[in-house]
Amino acid sequence: MAAVAENAIGAGDQFVRRPSPSPPQQQKRGGSSEAEYQRDVRELVELLSKLNPSAKEFIPSYASAASPPLVAGQHAAQTTDGGRRPNGRLSADAPVFVASSDYYGWPIGGGNRYAGSGDGPSNHLQRRRRNNYNQGRRRSNDRVQRAQKEDCIRRTVYVSYIDHHVTEEQLAALFGSYGKVLDCRICCDANSVLRFAFIEFANEYGARAALNLDGTVLGYYPVRVLPSKTAILPVNPTLLPRSEDEREMCTRTVYCTNIDKKLTQTDLKEFFQSCCGEVSRLRLLGDNVHSTRIAFVEFVRAESALRALNCSGTVLGALPIRLSPSKTPVRPRVARPMQ
């Protein structure tokens, strides 16, 4: 180790460069220079003894990949610090700066993993900005939809104790005297022979004025009118009746919900034909998401549809069905052209 230290000090351009003293200084210092030299050697030996003897020599990636190992003095002739060439240009094999993961949230490893991949920190920031913009737009849309729903609720009244002989047209005509009625939806109660309805007005003033109809006798029972807590679920406009014939079909059609999935279309048709009348068309719908199914049942006569509304609450299979007048006709299926 001492020999290494002596060689290191003697090398001059590697570790310690000792300037040569002038002749007057050599005479003045005399034998003390030799003692100082020996002390410096011992200190250097002590420092080198603390290093790991098994450690390998560090060679930069640009030097190891592009050129063979350089001997002492050769490195300064070809490149300078940082991989810069004597002509002032950076070497093509110079190390590439990779940003810290603490700032960008990206892991570091495997060299320049983002180079040429289009997935670097700058693209990550752009995606984050786009995501923040999309989230802000979704939040804005949610606020708009929530405000629209609350406005619909304020314009809607809830009517209960409706006689089963009362139609939606009669109910809408009664409440239309207090404001323009946009929608009227009669629903059947599975726990009662009477029905309830939701009536939506064009403005909030009409809904408030309609509360004065509370206690009005309609049919055989006095109806009860209260502010609604829910809005009417809109119907797809493409499914609404388009002609007088389809409006007449709606008067003969009922909408059935909460149907047990074990029931088939034949079971449902036999039930309505035995209790209500002849069925001209029946459409049973369902999917793998909902636990029950729905159906549209069109009868030959409108009186059969009225009788069917009284069957709301009847248990079919394992569930009580719910019936209400249909807003849409049961259109015949259009055959798809063969490809």
C-alpha atoms as a PDB file:
ATOM      1  CA  MET A   1       0.000   0.000   0.000  1.00  0.00           C
ATOM      2  CA  ALA A   2       2.892   2.350   0.735  1.00  0.00           C
ATOM      3  CA  ALA A   3       4.273   1.611  -2.695  1.00  0.00           C
ATOM      4  CA  VAL A   4       0.944   2.574  -4.217  1.00  0.00           C
ATOM      5  CA  ALA A   5       0.965   5.808  -2.272  1.00  0.00           C
ATOM      6  CA  GLU A   6       4.516   6.609  -3.416  1.00  0.00           C
ATOM      7  CA  ASN A   7       3.572   5.927  -7.009  1.00  0.00           C
ATOM      8  CA  ALA A   8       0.454   8.030  -6.620  1.00  0.00           C
ATOM      9  CA  ILE A   9       2.350  10.986  -5.263  1.00  0.00           C
ATOM     10  CA  GLY A  10       5.071  10.555  -7.826  1.00  0.00           C
ATOM     11  CA  ALA A  11       2.558  10.485 -10.671  1.00  0.00           C
ATOM     12  CA  GLY A  12       1.858  14.180 -10.185  1.00  0.00           C
ATOM     13  CA  ASP A  13      -1.234  14.403 -12.415  1.00  0.00           C
ATOM     14  CA  GLN A  14      -3.267  11.694 -10.673  1.00  0.00           C
ATOM     15  CA  PHE A  15      -3.527  12.452  -6.916  1.00  0.00           C
ATOM     16  CA  VAL A  16      -1.130  15.003  -5.345  1.00  0.00           C
ATOM     17  CA  ARG A  17       0.996  17.466  -7.238  1.00  0.00           C
ATOM     18  CA  ARG A  18       3.910  18.691  -5.075  1.00  0.00           C
ATOM     19  CA  PRO A  19       5.590  21.804  -6.448  1.00  0.00           C
ATOM     20  CA  SER A  20       9.382  21.723  -6.444  1.00  0.00           C
ATOM     21  CA  PRO A  21      10.781  24.124  -3.858  1.00  0.00           C
ATOM     22  CA  SER A  22      13.274  26.759  -4.895  1.00  0.00           C
ATOM     23  CA  PRO A  23      16.962  26.323  -3.836  1.00  0.00           C
ATOM     24  CA  PRO A  24      16.777  28.925  -1.042  1.00  0.00           C
ATOM     25  CA  GLN A  25      13.764  27.166   0.371  1.00  0.00           C
ATOM     26  CA  GLN A  26      15.519  23.795   0.186  1.00  0.00           C
ATOM     27  CA  GLN A  27      18.336  25.182   2.212  1.00  0.00           C
ATOM     28  CA  LYS A  28      15.990  26.816   4.719  1.00  0.00           C
ATOM     29  CA  ARG A  29      13.769  23.826   5.292  1.00  0.00           C
ATOM     30  CA  GLY A  30      16.605  21.338   5.231  1.00  0.00           C
ATOM     31  CA  GLY A  31      15.762  17.960   6.673  1.00  0.00           C
ATOM     32  CA  SER A  32      12.166  18.923   7.664  1.00  0.00           C
ATOM     33  CA  SER A  33      10.961  18.425   4.059  1.00  0.00           C
ATOM     34  CA  GLU A  34      11.763  14.738   4.218  1.00  0.00           C
ATOM     35  CA  ALA A  35       9.798  14.384   7.472  1.00  0.00           C
ATOM     36  CA  GLU A  36       6.784  16.204   6.002  1.00  0.00           C
ATOM     37  CA  TYR A  37       6.911  13.986   2.942  1.00  0.00           C
ATOM     38  CA  GLN A  38       6.902  10.837   5.046  1.00  0.00           C
ATOM     39  CA  ARG A  39       3.958  12.186   7.079  1.00  0.00           C
ATOM     40  CA  ASP A  40       1.947  12.867   3.902  1.00  0.00           C
ATOM     41  CA  VAL A  41       2.671   9.356   2.690  1.00  0.00           C
ATOM     42  CA  ARG A  42       1.450   7.841   5.959  1.00  0.00           C
ATOM     43  CA  GLU A  43      -1.764   9.904   5.846  1.00  0.00           C
ATOM     44  CA  LEU A  44      -2.403   8.827   2.268  1.00  0.00           C
ATOM     45  CA  VAL A  45      -1.759   5.180   3.140  1.00  0.00           C
ATOM     46  CA  GLU A  46      -4.230   5.468   6.022  1.00  0.00           C
ATOM     47  CA  LEU A  47      -6.895   6.924   3.694  1.00  0.00           C
ATOM     48  CA  LEU A  48      -6.364   4.251   1.061  1.00  0.00           C
ATOM     49  CA  SER A  49      -6.538   1.490   3.674  1.00  0.00           C
ATOM     50  CA  LYS A  50     -10.174   2.444   4.354  1.00  0.00           C
ATOM     51  CA  LEU A  51     -11.210   1.733   0.776  1.00  0.00           C
ATOM     52  CA  ASN A  52     -12.797  -1.567  -0.295  1.00  0.00           C
ATOM     53  CA  PRO A  53     -10.017  -3.665  -1.892  1.00  0.00           C
ATOM     54  CA  SER A  54     -12.634  -5.708  -3.826  1.00  0.00           C
ATOM     55  CA  ALA A  55     -14.222  -2.662  -5.467  1.00  0.00           C
ATOM     56  CA  LYS A  56     -13.968  -2.464  -9.246  1.00  0.00           C
ATOM     57  CA  GLU A  57     -12.716   0.551 -11.072  1.00  0.00           C
ATOM     58  CA  PHE A  58     -15.540   2.882 -12.144  1.00  0.00           C
ATOM     59  CA  ILE A  59     -15.749   3.286 -15.910  1.00  0.00           C
ATOM     60  CA  PRO A  60     -18.472   5.593 -17.319  1.00  0.00           C
ATOM     61  CA  SER A  61     -21.028   3.978 -19.622  1.00  0.00           C
ATOM     62  CA  TYR A  62     -20.087   6.193 -22.566  1.00  0.00           C
ATOM     63  CA  ALA A  63     -16.395   5.244 -22.182  1.00  0.00           C
ATOM     64  CA  SER A  64     -17.008   1.497 -21.727  1.00  0.00           C
ATOM     65  CA  ALA A  65     -19.512   1.209 -24.585  1.00  0.00           C
ATOM     66  CA  ALA A  66     -17.778   3.356 -27.173  1.00  0.00           C
ATOM     67  CA  SER A  67     -14.071   2.870 -26.576  1.00  0.00           C
ATOM     68  CA  PRO A  68     -11.635   0.507 -24.843  1.00  0.00           C
ATOM     69  CA  PRO A  69     -10.209   1.412 -21.437  1.00  0.00           C
ATOM     70  CA  LEU A  70      -7.819   4.327 -21.526  1.00  0.00           C
ATOM     71  CA  VAL A  71      -4.436   4.485 -19.901  1.00  0.00           C
ATOM     72  CA  ALA A  72      -3.293   7.379 -17.758  1.00  0.00           C
ATOM     73  CA  GLY A  73      -2.955  10.576 -19.745  1.00  0.00           C
ATOM     74  CA  GLN A  74      -4.843   9.271 -22.772  1.00  0.00           C
ATOM     75  CA  HIS A  75      -8.308  10.292 -21.499  1.00  0.00           C
ATOM     76  CA  ALA A  76      -7.474  13.983 -21.449  1.00  0.00           C
ATOM     77  CA  ALA A  77      -6.323  13.840 -25.039  1.00  0.00           C
ATOM     78  CA  GLN A  78      -9.583  12.412 -26.386  1.00  0.00           C
ATOM     79  CA  THR A  79     -12.415  13.606 -24.134  1.00  0.00           C
ATOM     80  CA  THR A  80     -12.947  15.922 -21.228  1.00  0.00           C
ATOM     81  CA  ASP A  81     -15.336  15.822 -18.278  1.00  0.00           C
ATOM     82  CA  GLY A  82     -18.930  14.845 -18.993  1.00  0.00           C
ATOM     83  CA  GLY A  83     -18.188  13.143 -22.318  1.00  0.00           C
ATOM     84  CA  ARG A  84     -17.443  16.441 -24.119  1.00  0.00           C
ATOM     85  CA  ARG A  85     -15.046  16.227 -27.040  1.00  0.00           C
ATOM     86  CA  PRO A  86     -12.184  18.720 -27.620  1.00  0.00           C
ATOM     87  CA  ASN A  87     -14.199  20.361 -30.442  1.00  0.00           C
ATOM     88  CA  GLY A  88     -16.794  21.480 -27.866  1.00  0.00           C
ATOM     89  CA  ARG A  89     -19.565  19.045 -28.960  1.00  0.00           C
ATOM     90  CA  LEU A  90     -21.113  16.417 -26.761  1.00  0.00           C
ATOM     91  CA  SER A  91     -20.304  12.827 -27.508  1.00  0.00           C
ATOM     92  CA  ALA A  92     -23.101  10.681 -28.929  1.00  0.00           C
ATOM     93  CA  ASP A  93     -22.456   8.236 -26.112  1.00  0.00           C
ATOM     94  CA  ALA A  94     -22.652  10.827 -23.356  1.00  0.00           C
ATOM     95  CA  PRO A  95     -24.988   9.901 -20.478  1.00  0.00           C
ATOM     96  CA  VAL A  96     -28.609  11.070 -20.846  1.00  0.00           C
ATOM     97  CA  PHE A  97     -30.238  13.011 -18.038  1.00  0.00           C
ATOM     98  CA  VAL A  98     -33.213  11.207 -16.465  1.00  0.00           C
ATOM     99  CA  ALA A  99     -35.459  13.240 -14.165  1.00  0.00           C
ATOM    100  CA  SER A 100     -36.015  12.251 -10.583  1.00  0.00           C
ATOM    101  CA  SER A 101     -39.035  10.054  -9.862  1.00  0.00           C
ATOM    102  CA  ASP A 102     -39.843  12.122  -6.796  1.00  0.00           C
ATOM    103  CA  TYR A 103     -41.066  14.927  -9.031  1.00  0.00           C
ATOM    104  CA  TYR A 104     -42.695  13.135 -11.923  1.00  0.00           C
ATOM    105  CA  GLY A 105     -43.789   9.987 -10.142  1.00  0.00           C
ATOM    106  CA  TRP A 106     -42.021   7.717 -12.653  1.00  0.00           C
ATOM    107  CA  PRO A 107     -39.644   4.928 -11.605  1.00  0.00           C
ATOM    108  CA  ILE A 108     -35.997   5.230 -12.586  1.00  0.00           C
ATOM    109  CA  GLY A 109     -34.040   2.278 -13.846  1.00  0.00           C
ATOM    110  CA  GLY A 110     -32.895   0.548 -16.969  1.00  0.00           C
ATOM    111  CA  GLY A 111     -31.166   3.594 -18.428  1.00  0.00           C
ATOM    112  CA  ASN A 112     -33.027   6.010 -20.693  1.00  0.00           C
ATOM    113  CA  ARG A 113     -36.298   4.068 -20.747  1.00  0.00           C
ATOM    114  CA  TYR A 114     -38.348   6.972 -22.134  1.00  0.00           C
ATOM    115  CA  ALA A 115     -36.083   7.843 -25.059  1.00  0.00           C
ATOM    116  CA  GLY A 116     -38.014   7.529 -28.330  1.00  0.00           C
ATOM    117  CA  SER A 117     -40.968   5.800 -26.667  1.00  0.00           C
ATOM    118  CA  GLY A 118     -43.297   8.812 -26.465  1.00  0.00           C
ATOM    119  CA  ASP A 119     -43.981   7.975 -22.834  1.00  0.00           C
ATOM    120  CA  GLY A 120     -41.663  10.372 -21.050  1.00  0.00           C
ATOM    121  CA  PRO A 121     -42.340  12.751 -18.181  1.00  0.00           C
ATOM    122  CA  SER A 122     -43.449  15.540 -20.523  1.00  0.00           C
ATOM    123  CA  ASN A 123     -46.082  13.302 -22.100  1.00  0.00           C
ATOM    124  CA  HIS A 124     -47.086  12.174 -18.637  1.00  0.00           C
ATOM    125  CA  LEU A 125     -47.657  15.794 -17.630  1.00  0.00           C
ATOM    126  CA  GLN A 126     -49.712  16.397 -20.762  1.00  0.00           C
ATOM    127  CA  ARG A 127     -51.868  13.356 -20.023  1.00  0.00           C
ATOM    128  CA  ARG A 128     -52.287  14.527 -16.450  1.00  0.00           C
ATOM    129  CA  ARG A 129     -53.428  17.931 -17.670  1.00  0.00           C
ATOM    130  CA  ARG A 130     -55.880  16.309 -20.084  1.00  0.00           C
ATOM    131  CA  ASN A 131     -57.198  14.034 -17.344  1.00  0.00           C
ATOM    132  CA  ASN A 132     -57.665  16.991 -15.020  1.00  0.00           C
ATOM    133  CA  TYR A 133     -59.496  18.832 -17.810  1.00  0.00           C
ATOM    134  CA  ASN A 134     -61.738  15.835 -18.516  1.00  0.00           C
ATOM    135  CA  GLN A 135     -62.467  15.366 -14.827  1.00  0.00           C
ATOM    136  CA  GLY A 136     -63.339  19.039 -14.506  1.00  0.00           C
ATOM    137  CA  ARG A 137     -65.623  18.800 -17.536  1.00  0.00           C
ATOM    138  CA  ARG A 138     -67.320  15.693 -16.112  1.00  0.00           C
ATOM    139  CA  ARG A 139     -67.825  17.451 -12.790  1.00  0.00           C
ATOM    140  CA  SER A 140     -69.313  20.399 -14.632  1.00  0.00           C
ATOM    141  CA  ASN A 141     -71.642  18.114 -16.595  1.00  0.00           C
ATOM    142  CA  ASP A 142     -72.653  16.360 -13.383  1.00  0.00           C
ATOM    143  CA  ARG A 143     -73.506  19.684 -11.780  1.00  0.00           C
ATOM    144  CA  VAL A 144     -75.579  20.680 -14.811  1.00  0.00           C
ATOM    145  CA  GLN A 145     -77.440  17.371 -14.838  1.00  0.00           C
ATOM    146  CA  ARG A 146     -78.052  17.568 -11.101  1.00  0.00           C
ATOM    147  CA  ALA A 147     -79.403  21.087 -11.458  1.00  0.00           C
ATOM    148  CA  GLN A 148     -81.680  20.001 -14.317  1.00  0.00           C
ATOM    149  CA  LYS A 149     -82.966  17.061 -12.283  1.00  0.00           C
ATOM    150  CA  GLU A 150     -83.699  19.271  -9.282  1.00  0.00           C
ATOM    151  CA  ASP A 151     -85.568  21.663 -11.546  1.00  0.00           C
ATOM    152  CA  CYS A 152     -87.682  18.777 -12.899  1.00  0.00           C
ATOM    153  CA  ILE A 153     -88.500  17.659  -9.354  1.00  0.00           C
ATOM    154  CA  ARG A 154     -89.684  21.158  -8.420  1.00  0.00           C
ATOM    155  CA  ARG A 155     -91.968  21.120 -11.468  1.00  0.00           C
ATOM    156  CA  THR A 156     -93.491  17.709 -10.628  1.00  0.00           C
ATOM    157  CA  VAL A 157     -96.331  16.743  -8.287  1.00  0.00           C
ATOM    158  CA  TYR A 158     -97.195  13.340  -6.836  1.00  0.00           C
ATOM    159  CA  VAL A 159    -100.850  12.252  -7.036  1.00  0.00           C
ATOM    160  CA  SER A 160    -102.140   9.206  -5.112  1.00  0.00           C
ATOM    161  CA  TYR A 161    -105.462   7.405  -4.535  1.00  0.00           C
ATOM    162  CA  ILE A 162    -106.316   7.403  -8.237  1.00  0.00           C
ATOM    163  CA  ASP A 163    -109.253   5.234  -9.290  1.00  0.00           C
ATOM    164  CA  HIS A 164    -108.337   2.516 -11.761  1.00  0.00           C
ATOM    165  CA  HIS A 165    -110.960   3.808 -14.199  1.00  0.00           C
ATOM    166  CA  VAL A 166    -109.174   7.160 -14.539  1.00  0.00           C
ATOM    167  CA  THR A 167    -106.940   7.458 -17.607  1.00  0.00           C
ATOM    168  CA  GLU A 168    -103.830   9.564 -18.079  1.00  0.00           C
ATOM    169  CA  GLU A 169    -105.724  11.826 -20.477  1.00  0.00           C
ATOM    170  CA  GLN A 170    -108.396  12.567 -17.881  1.00  0.00           C
ATOM    171  CA  LEU A 171    -105.785  13.231 -15.192  1.00  0.00           C
ATOM    172  CA  ALA A 172    -103.768  15.514 -17.463  1.00  0.00           C
ATOM    173  CA  ALA A 173    -106.922  17.429 -18.447  1.00  0.00           C
ATOM    174  CA  LEU A 174    -107.765  18.037 -14.775  1.00  0.00           C
ATOM    175  CA  PHE A 175    -104.308  19.330 -13.842  1.00  0.00           C
ATOM    176  CA  GLY A 176    -103.922  21.199 -17.130  1.00  0.00           C
ATOM    177  CA  SER A 177    -106.221  23.917 -15.815  1.00  0.00           C
ATOM    178  CA  TYR A 178    -103.398  25.044 -13.476  1.00  0.00           C
ATOM    179  CA  GLY A 179    -100.580  25.049 -16.024  1.00  0.00           C
ATOM    180  CA  LYS A 180     -99.121  23.376 -19.076  1.00  0.00           C
ATOM    181  CA  VAL A 181     -98.600  19.654 -18.446  1.00  0.00           C
ATOM    182  CA  LEU A 182     -95.463  18.229 -20.049  1.00  0.00           C
ATOM    183  CA  ASP A 183     -95.851  14.613 -18.906  1.00  0.00           C
ATOM    184  CA  CYS A 184     -98.315  12.490 -16.956  1.00  0.00           C
ATOM    185  CA  ARG A 185     -97.358   9.028 -15.753  1.00  0.00           C
ATOM    186  CA  ILE A 186     -99.845   6.738 -13.955  1.00  0.00           C
ATOM    187  CA  CYS A 187     -98.332   3.798 -12.055  1.00  0.00           C
ATOM    188  CA  CYS A 188     -99.921   0.857 -10.320  1.00  0.00           C
ATOM    189  CA  ASP A 189     -99.437   0.131  -6.640  1.00  0.00           C
ATOM    190  CA  ALA A 190     -98.753  -3.523  -5.893  1.00  0.00           C
ATOM    191  CA  ASN A 191    -100.198  -3.102  -2.384  1.00  0.00           C
ATOM    192  CA  SER A 192    -103.433  -1.343  -3.349  1.00  0.00           C
ATOM    193  CA  VAL A 193    -106.180  -1.407  -5.951  1.00  0.00           C
ATOM    194  CA  LEU A 194    -105.694   2.336  -6.345  1.00  0.00           C
ATOM    195  CA  ARG A 195    -102.934   3.888  -8.396  1.00  0.00           C
ATOM    196  CA  PHE A 196    -100.599   6.873  -8.195  1.00  0.00           C
ATOM    197  CA  ALA A 197     -99.175   9.272 -10.759  1.00  0.00           C
ATOM    198  CA  PHE A 198     -96.464  11.857 -11.427  1.00  0.00           C
ATOM    199  CA  ILE A 199     -97.386  15.013 -13.322  1.00  0.00           C
ATOM    200  CA  GLU A 200     -94.704  17.344 -14.651  1.00  0.00           C
ATOM    201  CA  PHE A 201     -95.502  20.962 -15.449  1.00  0.00           C
ATOM    202  CA  ALA A 202     -93.719  23.406 -17.718  1.00  0.00           C
ATOM    203  CA  ASN A 203     -92.791  25.650 -14.769  1.00  0.00           C
ATOM    204  CA  GLU A 204     -92.666  25.608 -11.003  1.00  0.00           C
ATOM    205  CA  TYR A 205     -95.664  27.931 -10.611  1.00  0.00           C
ATOM    206  CA  GLY A 206     -97.988  25.400 -12.230  1.00  0.00           C
ATOM    207  CA  ALA A 207     -96.779  22.672  -9.862  1.00  0.00           C
ATOM    208  CA  ARG A 208     -97.398  24.883  -6.839  1.00  0.00           C
ATOM    209  CA  ALA A 209    -100.864  25.840  -8.044  1.00  0.00           C
ATOM    210  CA  ALA A 210    -101.755  22.175  -8.683  1.00  0.00           C
ATOM    211  CA  LEU A 211    -101.384  21.461  -4.951  1.00  0.00           C
ATOM    212  CA  ASN A 212    -104.817  23.106  -4.533  1.00  0.00           C
ATOM    213  CA  LEU A 213    -106.365  20.006  -6.158  1.00  0.00           C
ATOM    214  CA  ASP A 214    -105.611  17.975  -3.047  1.00  0.00           C
ATOM    215  CA  GLY A 215    -108.868  16.305  -1.952  1.00  0.00           C
ATOM    216  CA  THR A 216    -110.613  16.647  -5.324  1.00  0.00           C
ATOM    217  CA  VAL A 217    -112.856  13.660  -6.077  1.00  0.00           C
ATOM    218  CA  LEU A 218    -111.771  11.980  -9.310  1.00  0.00           C
ATOM    219  CA  GLY A 219    -113.775   8.887 -10.163  1.00  0.00           C
ATOM    220  CA  TYR A 220    -114.853   7.407  -6.852  1.00  0.00           C
ATOM    221  CA  TYR A 221    -112.028   8.582  -4.587  1.00  0.00           C
ATOM    222  CA  PRO A 222    -110.544  11.935  -3.529  1.00  0.00           C
ATOM    223  CA  VAL A 223    -107.026  12.259  -4.825  1.00  0.00           C
ATOM    224  CA  ARG A 224    -104.108  13.415  -2.752  1.00  0.00           C
ATOM    225  CA  VAL A 225    -101.623  15.866  -4.296  1.00  0.00           C
ATOM    226  CA  LEU A 226     -98.155  16.424  -2.831  1.00  0.00           C
ATOM    227  CA  PRO A 227     -94.844  17.850  -4.063  1.00  0.00           C
ATOM    228  CA  SER A 228     -92.867  15.099  -5.752  1.00  0.00           C
ATOM    229  CA  LYS A 229     -89.544  13.852  -4.425  1.00  0.00           C
ATOM    230  CA  THR A 230     -88.506  12.297  -7.724  1.00  0.00           C
ATOM    231  CA  ALA A 231     -88.522  13.288 -11.389  1.00  0.00           C
ATOM    232  CA  ILE A 232     -90.276  11.390 -14.147  1.00  0.00           C
ATOM    233  CA  LEU A 233     -87.920   9.086 -15.998  1.00  0.00           C
ATOM    234  CA  PRO A 234     -87.928  10.321 -19.602  1.00  0.00           C
ATOM    235  CA  VAL A 235     -88.983   8.025 -22.418  1.00  0.00           C
ATOM    236  CA  ASN A 236     -86.859   7.566 -25.515  1.00  0.00           C
ATOM    237  CA  PRO A 237     -88.515   9.882 -28.070  1.00  0.00           C
ATOM    238  CA  THR A 238     -87.985   7.356 -30.860  1.00  0.00           C
ATOM    239  CA  LEU A 239     -90.250   4.897 -29.023  1.00  0.00           C
ATOM    240  CA  LEU A 240     -93.191   7.267 -28.592  1.00  0.00           C
ATOM    241  CA  PRO A 241     -96.257   6.887 -30.873  1.00  0.00           C
ATOM    242  CA  ARG A 242     -95.846   8.498 -34.274  1.00  0.00           C
ATOM    243  CA  SER A 243     -99.395   8.274 -35.592  1.00  0.00           C
ATOM    244  CA  GLU A 244    -103.011   8.014 -34.470  1.00  0.00           C
ATOM    245  CA  ASP A 245    -102.938   4.258 -35.021  1.00  0.00           C
ATOM    246  CA  GLU A 246     -99.977   3.902 -32.652  1.00  0.00           C
ATOM    247  CA  ARG A 247    -101.704   6.108 -30.047  1.00  0.00           C
ATOM    248  CA  GLU A 248    -104.686   3.794 -30.254  1.00  0.00           C
ATOM    249  CA  MET A 249    -102.323   0.852 -29.782  1.00  0.00           C
ATOM    250  CA  CYS A 250    -101.017   2.456 -26.564  1.00  0.00           C
ATOM    251  CA  THR A 251    -104.554   2.471 -25.098  1.00  0.00           C
ATOM    252  CA  ARG A 252    -104.575  -1.331 -25.541  1.00  0.00           C
ATOM    253  CA  THR A 253    -101.062  -1.871 -24.146  1.00  0.00           C
ATOM    254  CA  VAL A 254     -99.786  -2.270 -20.586  1.00  0.00           C
ATOM    255  CA  TYR A 255     -96.229  -2.101 -19.260  1.00  0.00           C
ATOM    256  CA  CYS A 256     -95.326  -4.958 -16.909  1.00  0.00           C
ATOM    257  CA  THR A 257     -92.273  -4.959 -14.605  1.00  0.00           C
ATOM    258  CA  ASN A 258     -90.721  -7.092 -11.854  1.00  0.00           C
ATOM    259  CA  ILE A 259     -91.175 -10.307 -13.840  1.00  0.00           C
ATOM    260  CA  ASP A 260     -89.486 -13.441 -12.540  1.00  0.00           C
ATOM    261  CA  LYS A 261     -86.749 -14.589 -14.912  1.00  0.00           C
ATOM    262  CA  LYS A 262     -88.013 -18.167 -14.693  1.00  0.00           C
ATOM    263  CA  LEU A 263     -91.214 -17.183 -16.515  1.00  0.00           C
ATOM    264  CA  THR A 264     -91.323 -17.598 -20.272  1.00  0.00           C
ATOM    265  CA  GLN A 265     -93.214 -15.566 -22.816  1.00  0.00           C
ATOM    266  CA  THR A 266     -95.748 -18.370 -23.136  1.00  0.00           C
ATOM    267  CA  ASP A 267     -96.383 -18.375 -19.366  1.00  0.00           C
ATOM    268  CA  LEU A 268     -96.958 -14.632 -19.359  1.00  0.00           C
ATOM    269  CA  LYS A 269     -99.277 -14.720 -22.368  1.00  0.00           C
ATOM    270  CA  GLU A 270    -101.393 -17.546 -20.911  1.00  0.00           C
ATOM    271  CA  PHE A 271    -101.780 -15.616 -17.634  1.00  0.00           C
ATOM    272  CA  PHE A 272    -103.039 -12.403 -19.258  1.00  0.00           C
ATOM    273  CA  GLN A 273    -105.326 -14.209 -21.683  1.00  0.00           C
ATOM    274  CA  SER A 274    -106.961 -16.183 -18.884  1.00  0.00           C
ATOM    275  CA  CYS A 275    -107.480 -13.144 -16.620  1.00  0.00           C
ATOM    276  CA  CYS A 276    -107.899 -10.161 -18.938  1.00  0.00           C
ATOM    277  CA  GLY A 277    -108.599 -11.042 -22.548  1.00  0.00           C
ATOM    278  CA  GLU A 278    -107.076 -11.952 -25.865  1.00  0.00           C
ATOM    279  CA  VAL A 279    -103.455 -10.821 -26.314  1.00  0.00           C
ATOM    280  CA  SER A 280    -102.475  -9.650 -29.787  1.00  0.00           C
ATOM    281  CA  ARG A 281     -98.775  -9.041 -29.173  1.00  0.00           C
ATOM    282  CA  LEU A 282     -96.357  -9.521 -26.251  1.00  0.00           C
ATOM    283  CA  ARG A 283     -92.733  -8.396 -25.999  1.00  0.00           C
ATOM    284  CA  LEU A 284     -90.643  -9.865 -23.128  1.00  0.00           C
ATOM    285  CA  LEU A 285     -87.316  -8.123 -22.474  1.00  0.00           C
ATOM    286  CA  GLY A 286     -84.409  -8.759 -20.101  1.00  0.00           C
ATOM    287  CA  ASP A 287     -80.635  -8.876 -19.748  1.00  0.00           C
ATOM    288  CA  ASN A 288     -77.890 -10.360 -17.605  1.00  0.00           C
ATOM    289  CA  VAL A 289     -77.531  -7.213 -15.473  1.00  0.00           C
ATOM    290  CA  HIS A 290     -80.983  -6.883 -13.909  1.00  0.00           C
ATOM    291  CA  SER A 291     -82.478  -9.604 -11.722  1.00  0.00           C
ATOM    292  CA  THR A 292     -85.975  -9.223 -13.229  1.00  0.00           C
ATOM    293  CA  ARG A 293     -87.510  -8.710 -16.660  1.00  0.00           C
ATOM    294  CA  ILE A 294     -90.046  -6.370 -18.235  1.00  0.00           C
ATOM    295  CA  ALA A 295     -92.756  -6.852 -20.862  1.00  0.00           C
ATOM    296  CA  PHE A 296     -95.132  -4.901 -23.099  1.00  0.00           C
ATOM    297  CA  VAL A 297     -98.500  -6.617 -23.518  1.00  0.00           C
ATOM    298  CA  GLU A 298    -100.873  -5.460 -26.236  1.00  0.00           C
ATOM    299  CA  PHE A 299    -104.482  -6.654 -26.067  1.00  0.00           C
ATOM    300  CA  VAL A 300    -107.090  -6.831 -28.785  1.00  0.00           C
ATOM    301  CA  ARG A 301    -109.498  -4.555 -26.854  1.00  0.00           C
ATOM    302  CA  ALA A 302    -108.831  -1.576 -24.589  1.00  0.00           C
ATOM    303  CA  GLU A 303    -111.126  -3.025 -21.891  1.00  0.00           C
ATOM    304  CA  SER A 304    -108.731  -5.944 -21.514  1.00  0.00           C
ATOM    305  CA  ALA A 305    -105.864  -3.498 -20.853  1.00  0.00           C
ATOM    306  CA  LEU A 306    -107.903  -1.836 -18.083  1.00  0.00           C
ATOM    307  CA  ARG A 307    -108.591  -5.210 -16.501  1.00  0.00           C
ATOM    308  CA  ALA A 308    -104.897  -6.050 -16.689  1.00  0.00           C
ATOM    309  CA  LEU A 309    -104.052  -2.973 -14.599  1.00  0.00           C
ATOM    310  CA  ASN A 310    -106.036  -4.495 -11.739  1.00  0.00           C
ATOM    311  CA  CYS A 311    -103.688  -7.505 -11.776  1.00  0.00           C
ATOM    312  CA  SER A 312    -100.843  -5.392 -10.414  1.00  0.00           C
ATOM    313  CA  GLY A 313     -99.455  -7.139  -7.332  1.00  0.00           C
ATOM    314  CA  THR A 314    -100.341 -10.641  -8.503  1.00  0.00           C
ATOM    315  CA  VAL A 315     -97.550 -13.082  -7.741  1.00  0.00           C
ATOM    316  CA  LEU A 316     -96.204 -14.827 -10.837  1.00  0.00           C
ATOM    317  CA  GLY A 317     -93.440 -17.270 -10.191  1.00  0.00           C
ATOM    318  CA  ALA A 318     -91.792 -15.866  -7.059  1.00  0.00           C
ATOM    319  CA  LEU A 319     -92.382 -12.123  -7.557  1.00  0.00           C
ATOM    320  CA  PRO A 320     -95.404  -9.778  -7.639  1.00  0.00           C
ATOM    321  CA  ILE A 321     -95.743  -8.129 -11.042  1.00  0.00           C
ATOM    322  CA  ARG A 322     -96.354  -4.389 -11.438  1.00  0.00           C
ATOM    323  CA  LEU A 323     -98.434  -2.980 -14.277  1.00  0.00           C
ATOM    324  CA  SER A 324     -99.003   0.504 -15.647  1.00  0.00           C
ATOM    325  CA  PRO A 325    -100.331   1.992 -18.908  1.00  0.00           C
ATOM    326  CA  SER A 326     -97.741   1.878 -21.653  1.00  0.00           C
ATOM    327  CA  LYS A 327     -96.368   5.060 -23.170  1.00  0.00           C
ATOM    328  CA  THR A 328     -95.034   3.253 -26.224  1.00  0.00           C
ATOM    329  CA  PRO A 329     -96.674   0.879 -28.691  1.00  0.00           C
ATOM    330  CA  VAL A 330     -95.424  -2.612 -29.375  1.00  0.00           C
ATOM    331  CA  ARG A 331     -94.127  -2.272 -32.891  1.00  0.00           C
ATOM    332  CA  PRO A 332     -93.648  -5.421 -34.991  1.00  0.00           C
ATOM    333  CA  ARG A 333     -90.075  -6.514 -35.382  1.00  0.00           C
ATOM    334  CA  VAL A 334     -88.414  -5.556 -38.639  1.00  0.00           C
ATOM    335  CA  ALA A 335     -86.652  -8.449 -40.324  1.00  0.00           C
ATOM    336  CA  ARG A 336     -82.979  -7.721 -40.937  1.00  0.00           C
ATOM    337  CA  PRO A 337     -81.767  -8.206 -44.503  1.00  0.00           C
ATOM    338  CA  MET A 338     -79.598 -11.227 -45.084  1.00  0.00           C
ATOM    339  CA  GLN A 339     -75.977 -10.375 -45.730  1.00  0.00           C
END
